[in-house]
Amino acid sequence: MKVVEENYPEKLSAIPIVQVKNLAKIFGDLVAVDNISFEVYPGECFGILGPNGAGKTSTIRMLYGLSPMTSGVLEIFGLDVTKNSRAIKSRLGVCHQENNLDPDLTVKQNLEIFSRYFNMSPVAAQVQAESLLKFMALDHRKDARITELSGGMMRRLVLARALLNAPELLILDEPTTGLDPQSRHQVWERLGELKAKGLSILISTHNMDEASRLCDRLIIMDHGGILVEGKPFELIRQHVGHDIIEVLEPSQTLRAFVQSRNMEHEDLGHRLIINTGDGNALFREISNEYCKEGCIMRMATLEDVFLKLTGRELRE
């Protein structure tokens, strides 16, 4: 499998492994996905980000065939999903949000039973299961029941199960939700190794660190549509800048100063967030003249882009 060049998309000539054109999903009066279009190329990790209700889960479910699309064109491996669902699913690996493992089976048995969906021989299934359990650092728990596993172990087992058929495309729906930092980083390490080997990955996530770390490109969705698409680093520079200055309990004098300079900023009342290019000189001026304490400068992140584009209000 061809690995995407680092400077994608300028020198990429590969045929898309996923092609989405004007994809829509409508539930009654609710437009969950509103005519979106994007492509995923072989060997890259492509992310779908968005707040609750943005349409990302509906998009993911259409991609792996759980939910029929209302309209549009959706092709995976160059095949129309409406006509070649079985052939496509045999080449996909899907890691669902839920840990839908069988509690009555052991860790290894969960993989061996699942292998029957792909007509794997018992010998091949056993070999593949043992290899994946070792890769996921679960080989020492292969005879344990599911109820004996930690949350991190269960997520790694779900990921191992998604890799059982040696898929060409791995689809991950919120793969690390609810995990502690150690477990989350273990999953990221394994996904990074798979990506380095050339596996194509499509991931839906709320975790901005996860997206920045894993994704070559991504889209941010809201209200069913795509707000932006690009590389994480480029989106940060384009929409926020290099540095962020945060001031706790800003004074009216500082607010007036920021407005007089026409600086891009967010005033949250108790906190003032100032977007800047190279913020060193500005930070010195603000910290010396307007706030002796409660003033910090940090690098801009993908989370800043996300909040700027989708807002800060709570979505439930």
Protein backbone atom coordinates (compact mmCIF):
# COMPACT_ATOMS: atom_id res chain seq x y z
CA MET A 1 0.00 0.00 0.00
CA LYS A 2 1.35 3.42 -0.95
CA VAL A 3 2.12 5.79 1.89
CA VAL A 4 0.99 9.36 1.32
CA GLU A 5 3.84 11.83 0.92
CA GLU A 6 4.32 14.31 3.73
CA ASN A 7 3.56 17.31 1.52
CA TYR A 8 0.11 16.07 0.51
CA PRO A 9 -1.87 17.17 -1.42
CA GLU A 10 0.56 19.04 -3.68
CA LYS A 11 2.35 15.95 -5.03
CA LEU A 12 -0.27 13.30 -4.47
CA SER A 13 -1.50 11.45 -7.53
CA ALA A 14 -3.20 8.46 -5.88
CA ILE A 15 -6.83 7.60 -6.53
CA PRO A 16 -9.01 8.35 -3.47
CA ILE A 17 -9.81 5.36 -1.29
CA VAL A 18 -12.96 7.20 -0.11
CA GLN A 19 -14.87 9.63 -2.31
CA VAL A 20 -17.83 11.57 -0.92
CA LYS A 21 -19.86 13.89 -3.14
CA ASN A 22 -22.89 15.90 -1.99
CA LEU A 23 -23.65 13.36 0.73
CA ALA A 24 -26.85 14.00 2.67
CA LYS A 25 -28.73 12.33 5.51
CA ILE A 26 -32.20 13.54 6.48
CA PHE A 27 -34.35 12.31 9.37
CA GLY A 28 -37.81 13.78 8.86
CA ASP A 29 -37.35 17.54 9.26
CA LEU A 30 -33.79 17.18 10.55
CA VAL A 31 -30.93 17.56 8.07
CA ALA A 32 -28.17 15.65 9.86
CA VAL A 33 -25.69 15.77 6.97
CA ASP A 34 -26.07 18.56 4.45
CA ASN A 35 -24.50 17.84 1.04
CA ILE A 36 -20.90 17.40 2.14
CA SER A 37 -17.98 16.40 -0.09
CA PHE A 38 -14.47 15.19 0.74
CA GLU A 39 -11.88 12.59 -0.25
CA VAL A 40 -9.58 10.27 1.68
CA TYR A 41 -6.37 9.05 0.05
CA PRO A 42 -4.44 5.79 0.52
CA GLY A 43 -2.11 5.79 3.49
CA GLU A 44 -3.38 8.97 5.15
CA CYS A 45 -5.26 9.52 8.38
CA PHE A 46 -8.30 11.70 7.75
CA GLY A 47 -10.24 13.22 10.64
CA ILE A 48 -13.86 14.29 11.05
CA LEU A 49 -14.31 16.76 13.92
CA GLY A 50 -17.37 18.51 15.23
CA PRO A 51 -19.45 19.23 18.34
CA ASN A 52 -22.38 17.06 19.37
CA GLY A 53 -25.02 17.10 16.67
CA ALA A 54 -22.64 18.27 13.96
CA GLY A 55 -23.33 15.24 11.74
CA LYS A 56 -20.04 13.40 12.08
CA THR A 57 -21.48 10.18 13.54
CA SER A 58 -24.20 10.11 10.87
CA THR A 59 -21.46 10.50 8.26
CA ILE A 60 -19.36 7.71 9.77
CA ARG A 61 -22.36 5.34 9.90
CA MET A 62 -23.10 5.93 6.23
CA LEU A 63 -19.46 5.25 5.39
CA TYR A 64 -19.40 1.79 6.92
CA GLY A 65 -22.89 0.88 5.73
CA LEU A 66 -24.85 0.98 9.00
CA SER A 67 -27.11 3.80 7.85
CA PRO A 68 -28.34 4.34 4.26
CA MET A 69 -27.67 7.74 2.76
CA THR A 70 -30.51 10.00 1.68
CA SER A 71 -28.73 11.32 -1.40
CA GLY A 72 -25.32 11.88 -2.92
CA VAL A 73 -22.44 9.70 -4.05
CA LEU A 74 -20.38 7.56 -1.69
CA GLU A 75 -17.61 5.35 -3.04
CA ILE A 76 -15.08 3.28 -1.11
CA PHE A 77 -12.27 1.46 -2.93
CA GLY A 78 -13.85 2.84 -6.11
CA LEU A 79 -17.07 0.90 -5.37
CA ASP A 80 -20.54 2.36 -4.89
CA VAL A 81 -21.65 1.58 -1.33
CA THR A 82 -25.28 1.19 -2.42
CA LYS A 83 -24.36 -1.62 -4.81
CA ASN A 84 -21.27 -3.24 -3.31
CA SER A 85 -21.86 -3.18 0.43
CA ARG A 86 -20.70 -6.74 1.10
CA ALA A 87 -17.50 -6.42 -0.93
CA ILE A 88 -16.66 -3.11 0.78
CA LYS A 89 -17.32 -4.38 4.31
CA SER A 90 -14.96 -7.31 3.78
CA ARG A 91 -12.13 -4.81 3.28
CA LEU A 92 -13.06 -2.47 6.14
CA GLY A 93 -12.18 -2.46 9.81
CA VAL A 94 -14.61 -0.60 12.08
CA CYS A 95 -14.05 0.44 15.68
CA HIS A 96 -17.39 1.55 17.12
CA GLN A 97 -17.89 4.01 19.95
CA GLU A 98 -19.33 1.29 22.17
CA ASN A 99 -17.36 -1.61 23.62
CA ASN A 100 -19.75 -4.17 22.14
CA LEU A 101 -17.71 -7.17 23.19
CA ASP A 102 -19.25 -10.49 24.29
CA PRO A 103 -18.92 -10.72 28.10
CA ASP A 104 -19.47 -14.49 28.04
CA LEU A 105 -16.30 -15.07 26.01
CA THR A 106 -12.64 -14.65 26.79
CA VAL A 107 -10.48 -12.00 25.17
CA LYS A 108 -9.11 -14.41 22.57
CA GLN A 109 -12.49 -16.03 21.93
CA ASN A 110 -13.99 -12.62 21.11
CA LEU A 111 -11.54 -12.37 18.22
CA GLU A 112 -11.84 -15.96 17.07
CA ILE A 113 -15.66 -15.87 16.97
CA PHE A 114 -15.62 -12.54 15.13
CA SER A 115 -13.32 -14.02 12.49
CA ARG A 116 -16.19 -16.18 11.23
CA TYR A 117 -17.75 -13.08 9.66
CA PHE A 118 -14.80 -13.09 7.26
CA ASN A 119 -14.73 -16.84 6.55
CA MET A 120 -11.30 -17.19 8.15
CA SER A 121 -10.14 -20.72 8.90
CA PRO A 122 -9.79 -21.60 12.60
CA VAL A 123 -6.02 -21.86 12.23
CA ALA A 124 -5.72 -18.49 10.46
CA ALA A 125 -8.03 -16.88 13.02
CA GLN A 126 -5.96 -18.21 15.91
CA VAL A 127 -2.70 -16.98 14.40
CA GLN A 128 -4.14 -13.55 13.62
CA ALA A 129 -5.75 -13.24 17.05
CA GLU A 130 -2.52 -14.05 18.87
CA SER A 131 -0.58 -11.62 16.70
CA LEU A 132 -3.04 -8.78 17.32
CA LEU A 133 -3.24 -9.44 21.05
CA LYS A 134 0.53 -9.17 21.22
CA PHE A 135 0.48 -5.98 19.15
CA MET A 136 -2.13 -4.47 21.49
CA ALA A 137 -0.26 -5.64 24.62
CA LEU A 138 -3.16 -7.91 25.57
CA ASP A 139 -1.53 -11.32 25.07
CA HIS A 140 -1.09 -11.75 28.83
CA ARG A 141 -4.89 -11.38 29.26
CA LYS A 142 -6.01 -13.60 26.38
CA ASP A 143 -7.87 -16.01 28.70
CA ALA A 144 -9.50 -13.28 30.80
CA ARG A 145 -13.20 -12.50 30.66
CA ILE A 146 -14.27 -9.14 29.26
CA THR A 147 -15.62 -8.06 32.64
CA GLU A 148 -12.10 -8.42 34.08
CA LEU A 149 -10.61 -5.84 31.71
CA SER A 150 -10.07 -2.14 32.30
CA GLY A 151 -11.64 0.42 29.99
CA GLY A 152 -8.34 0.90 28.17
CA MET A 153 -7.92 -2.83 27.64
CA MET A 154 -11.44 -3.12 26.22
CA ARG A 155 -10.80 -0.29 23.75
CA ARG A 156 -7.57 -1.93 22.61
CA LEU A 157 -9.44 -5.21 22.17
CA VAL A 158 -12.14 -3.50 20.07
CA LEU A 159 -9.35 -2.04 17.94
CA ALA A 160 -7.70 -5.46 17.63
CA ARG A 161 -11.02 -6.90 16.50
CA ALA A 162 -11.33 -4.19 13.84
CA LEU A 163 -7.93 -5.27 12.46
CA LEU A 164 -8.72 -8.98 12.39
CA ASN A 165 -9.46 -9.10 8.66
CA ALA A 166 -6.33 -7.07 7.75
CA PRO A 167 -8.48 -4.15 6.47
CA GLU A 168 -7.42 -1.67 3.82
CA LEU A 169 -9.32 1.12 5.58
CA LEU A 170 -9.78 1.46 9.34
CA ILE A 171 -12.77 3.54 10.49
CA LEU A 172 -12.65 4.76 14.07
CA ASP A 173 -15.67 6.40 15.74
CA GLU A 174 -14.53 8.23 18.90
CA PRO A 175 -11.89 5.55 19.69
CA THR A 176 -10.58 7.01 22.96
CA THR A 177 -13.67 8.56 24.54
CA GLY A 178 -13.68 8.01 28.30
CA LEU A 179 -10.13 6.70 28.55
CA ASP A 180 -7.58 7.87 31.08
CA PRO A 181 -4.45 9.61 29.70
CA GLN A 182 -2.26 6.48 29.90
CA SER A 183 -4.79 4.31 28.03
CA ARG A 184 -5.43 7.03 25.48
CA HIS A 185 -1.73 7.37 24.70
CA GLN A 186 -1.40 3.59 24.32
CA VAL A 187 -4.14 3.62 21.69
CA TRP A 188 -2.48 6.57 19.93
CA GLU A 189 0.84 4.73 19.85
CA ARG A 190 -0.75 1.69 18.20
CA LEU A 191 -2.60 3.83 15.67
CA GLY A 192 0.62 5.70 14.90
CA GLU A 193 2.35 2.38 14.18
CA LEU A 194 -0.48 1.29 11.88
CA LYS A 195 -0.38 4.60 10.06
CA ALA A 196 3.40 4.31 9.64
CA LYS A 197 2.86 0.94 7.95
CA GLY A 198 0.58 2.59 5.39
CA LEU A 199 -2.88 1.73 6.71
CA SER A 200 -5.55 4.24 5.65
CA ILE A 201 -7.45 5.58 8.67
CA LEU A 202 -10.62 7.63 8.96
CA ILE A 203 -11.32 8.89 12.47
CA SER A 204 -14.17 10.76 14.10
CA THR A 205 -13.15 12.43 17.35
CA HIS A 206 -13.85 15.15 19.91
CA ASN A 207 -10.25 15.09 21.07
CA MET A 208 -8.24 17.89 19.49
CA ASP A 209 -4.91 16.46 20.68
CA GLU A 210 -5.85 13.18 19.05
CA ALA A 211 -6.67 14.89 15.76
CA SER A 212 -3.49 16.99 15.80
CA ARG A 213 -1.34 13.99 16.58
CA LEU A 214 -2.82 11.48 14.13
CA CYS A 215 -4.49 13.32 11.25
CA ASP A 216 -2.77 14.33 8.01
CA ARG A 217 -5.91 16.23 7.03
CA LEU A 218 -9.30 16.82 8.60
CA ILE A 219 -12.65 18.51 8.27
CA ILE A 220 -14.53 20.38 10.97
CA MET A 221 -18.30 19.95 10.73
CA ASP A 222 -21.17 21.85 12.31
CA HIS A 223 -24.92 21.76 11.69
CA GLY A 224 -24.44 19.05 9.08
CA GLY A 225 -22.01 20.96 6.89
CA ILE A 226 -18.25 21.29 6.50
CA LEU A 227 -16.79 24.51 7.89
CA VAL A 228 -13.14 23.97 6.93
CA GLU A 229 -10.85 21.31 5.50
CA GLY A 230 -7.06 21.07 5.61
CA LYS A 231 -3.97 20.02 7.50
CA PRO A 232 -4.12 20.71 11.25
CA PHE A 233 -1.03 22.94 11.23
CA GLU A 234 -2.28 25.00 8.30
CA LEU A 235 -5.75 25.43 9.81
CA ILE A 236 -4.21 26.72 13.03
CA ARG A 237 -2.07 29.27 11.22
CA GLN A 238 -4.89 30.34 8.92
CA HIS A 239 -7.66 30.77 11.49
CA VAL A 240 -5.86 31.60 14.73
CA GLY A 241 -2.19 32.38 14.21
CA HIS A 242 0.99 31.27 15.93
CA ASP A 243 0.39 32.44 19.51
CA ILE A 244 -2.48 32.99 21.91
CA ILE A 245 -2.39 35.49 24.78
CA GLU A 246 -4.81 34.79 27.62
CA VAL A 247 -5.58 37.33 30.32
CA LEU A 248 -7.58 36.50 33.43
CA GLU A 249 -9.87 39.21 34.79
CA PRO A 250 -8.92 41.78 32.11
CA SER A 251 -9.27 45.45 32.91
CA GLN A 252 -11.33 47.91 30.88
CA THR A 253 -8.07 49.65 30.01
CA LEU A 254 -6.77 46.46 28.40
CA ARG A 255 -10.02 45.94 26.54
CA ALA A 256 -9.78 49.44 25.15
CA PHE A 257 -6.16 48.83 24.14
CA VAL A 258 -7.04 45.63 22.28
CA GLN A 259 -9.94 47.29 20.47
CA SER A 260 -7.83 50.30 19.52
CA ARG A 261 -5.33 47.98 17.83
CA ASN A 262 -8.12 46.06 16.04
CA MET A 263 -6.73 42.81 17.43
CA GLU A 264 -8.66 39.62 16.79
CA HIS A 265 -9.90 38.50 20.18
CA GLU A 266 -12.63 36.83 22.23
CA ASP A 267 -13.94 38.56 25.34
CA LEU A 268 -15.38 35.95 27.69
CA GLY A 269 -15.91 38.37 30.56
CA HIS A 270 -13.56 36.89 33.13
CA ARG A 271 -11.03 35.97 30.43
CA LEU A 272 -9.71 37.72 27.34
CA ILE A 273 -8.25 35.64 24.50
CA ILE A 274 -6.11 37.46 21.96
CA ASN A 275 -5.06 35.84 18.69
CA THR A 276 -1.71 37.02 17.40
CA GLY A 277 0.98 36.14 14.86
CA ASP A 278 4.28 36.54 16.66
CA GLY A 279 3.14 37.45 20.13
CA ASN A 280 6.42 38.00 21.99
CA ALA A 281 6.55 41.80 21.71
CA LEU A 282 2.81 42.16 22.28
CA PHE A 283 2.92 39.84 25.29
CA ARG A 284 5.68 41.92 26.88
CA GLU A 285 3.72 45.10 26.32
CA ILE A 286 0.48 43.69 27.72
CA SER A 287 2.10 41.95 30.71
CA ASN A 288 4.14 45.05 31.62
CA GLU A 289 1.44 47.68 31.13
CA TYR A 290 -1.91 46.00 31.68
CA CYS A 291 -1.63 42.84 33.78
CA LYS A 292 1.15 42.05 36.20
CA GLU A 293 -0.47 38.67 36.98
CA GLY A 294 -2.86 36.30 35.23
CA CYS A 295 -1.38 36.84 31.78
CA ILE A 296 0.03 33.93 29.78
CA MET A 297 1.18 33.29 26.22
CA ARG A 298 0.95 29.86 24.59
CA MET A 299 1.07 28.29 21.16
CA ALA A 300 -2.22 28.20 19.27
CA THR A 301 -3.81 24.77 18.97
CA LEU A 302 -6.44 22.99 16.93
CA GLU A 303 -8.81 23.41 19.87
CA ASP A 304 -8.59 27.19 19.40
CA VAL A 305 -9.64 26.75 15.77
CA PHE A 306 -12.46 24.41 16.77
CA LEU A 307 -13.87 26.79 19.39
CA LYS A 308 -13.51 29.81 17.13
CA LEU A 309 -15.45 28.15 14.30
CA THR A 310 -18.09 26.20 16.26
CA GLY A 311 -18.52 28.45 19.30
CA ARG A 312 -18.18 27.82 23.00
CA GLU A 313 -21.78 27.10 23.91
CA LEU A 314 -22.52 23.68 25.41
CA ARG A 315 -24.02 21.11 23.03
CA GLU A 316 -26.11 18.33 24.58
